[in-house]
Amino acid sequence: MSSIREIVCCALETGYLSLAAENQLRHLLQKTSYGWEDLNAFVRLQQAAMRGYIRQESRELKPSEYQYL
């Protein structure tokens, strides 16, 4: 399983956060313990998304398409 930092690094490099990566982040944040570096990376990802530097697959899908993933 990837770490929060690895997922964030990939998203920042590609400019894209897939639905699978977003779900994995959600799982890691809810179910695992993580350090300051992971939390800081997640905050950087949030800031990049808010500024439009990261495209999120979940924002591009229609609600009806979620059930098929």
Protein backbone atom coordinates (compact mmCIF):
# COMPACT_ATOMS: atom_id res chain seq x y z
CA MET A 1 0.00 0.00 0.00
CA SER A 2 1.30 3.46 -0.87
CA SER A 3 1.86 6.12 1.72
CA ILE A 4 0.03 9.42 1.78
CA ARG A 5 3.21 11.17 0.66
CA GLU A 6 3.65 8.82 -2.31
CA ILE A 7 0.09 9.38 -3.51
CA VAL A 8 0.41 13.15 -3.09
CA CYS A 9 3.76 13.22 -4.89
CA CYS A 10 2.28 11.34 -7.85
CA ALA A 11 -0.73 13.66 -8.02
CA LEU A 12 1.46 16.77 -7.85
CA GLU A 13 3.78 15.43 -10.56
CA THR A 14 0.97 14.47 -12.93
CA GLY A 15 -1.52 17.20 -12.03
CA TYR A 16 -4.21 14.54 -11.68
CA LEU A 17 -5.80 12.67 -8.76
CA SER A 18 -7.63 9.53 -9.81
CA LEU A 19 -10.69 8.28 -8.00
CA ALA A 20 -8.73 5.21 -6.88
CA ALA A 21 -5.97 7.40 -5.41
CA GLU A 22 -8.54 9.62 -3.72
CA ASN A 23 -10.20 6.57 -2.16
CA GLN A 24 -6.83 5.24 -1.04
CA LEU A 25 -6.03 8.59 0.59
CA ARG A 26 -9.37 8.55 2.36
CA HIS A 27 -8.68 5.04 3.65
CA LEU A 28 -5.17 5.91 4.83
CA LEU A 29 -6.36 9.04 6.61
CA GLN A 30 -9.19 7.22 8.37
CA LYS A 31 -7.70 3.82 9.14
CA THR A 32 -3.96 4.27 9.67
CA SER A 33 -1.69 6.36 11.81
CA TYR A 34 0.39 8.86 9.91
CA GLY A 35 3.11 11.34 10.72
CA TRP A 36 3.59 15.03 10.34
CA GLU A 37 5.14 14.61 6.89
CA ASP A 38 2.07 12.79 5.57
CA LEU A 39 -0.28 15.39 7.02
CA ASN A 40 1.80 18.19 5.52
CA ALA A 41 1.76 16.45 2.12
CA PHE A 42 -2.03 16.10 2.29
CA VAL A 43 -2.41 19.81 3.07
CA ARG A 44 -0.21 20.65 0.06
CA LEU A 45 -2.46 18.47 -2.11
CA GLN A 46 -5.57 20.23 -0.83
CA GLN A 47 -4.04 23.63 -1.56
CA ALA A 48 -3.02 22.56 -5.06
CA ALA A 49 -6.53 21.27 -5.75
CA MET A 50 -8.13 24.48 -4.47
CA ARG A 51 -5.85 26.53 -6.73
CA GLY A 52 -6.72 24.41 -9.74
CA TYR A 53 -3.29 22.79 -10.15
CA ILE A 54 -4.72 19.30 -9.65
CA ARG A 55 -7.59 17.81 -11.65
CA GLN A 56 -9.70 15.37 -9.65
CA GLU A 57 -11.39 12.49 -11.43
CA SER A 58 -14.17 12.58 -8.82
CA ARG A 59 -15.02 16.16 -9.85
CA GLU A 60 -15.19 15.19 -13.52
CA LEU A 61 -17.59 12.26 -13.13
CA LYS A 62 -21.34 12.54 -13.13
CA PRO A 63 -22.92 11.21 -9.91
CA SER A 64 -24.52 8.33 -11.85
CA GLU A 65 -21.06 7.12 -12.96
CA TYR A 66 -19.83 6.52 -9.40
CA GLN A 67 -21.75 3.28 -9.01
CA TYR A 68 -19.75 1.63 -11.81
CA LEU A 69 -16.31 2.21 -10.23
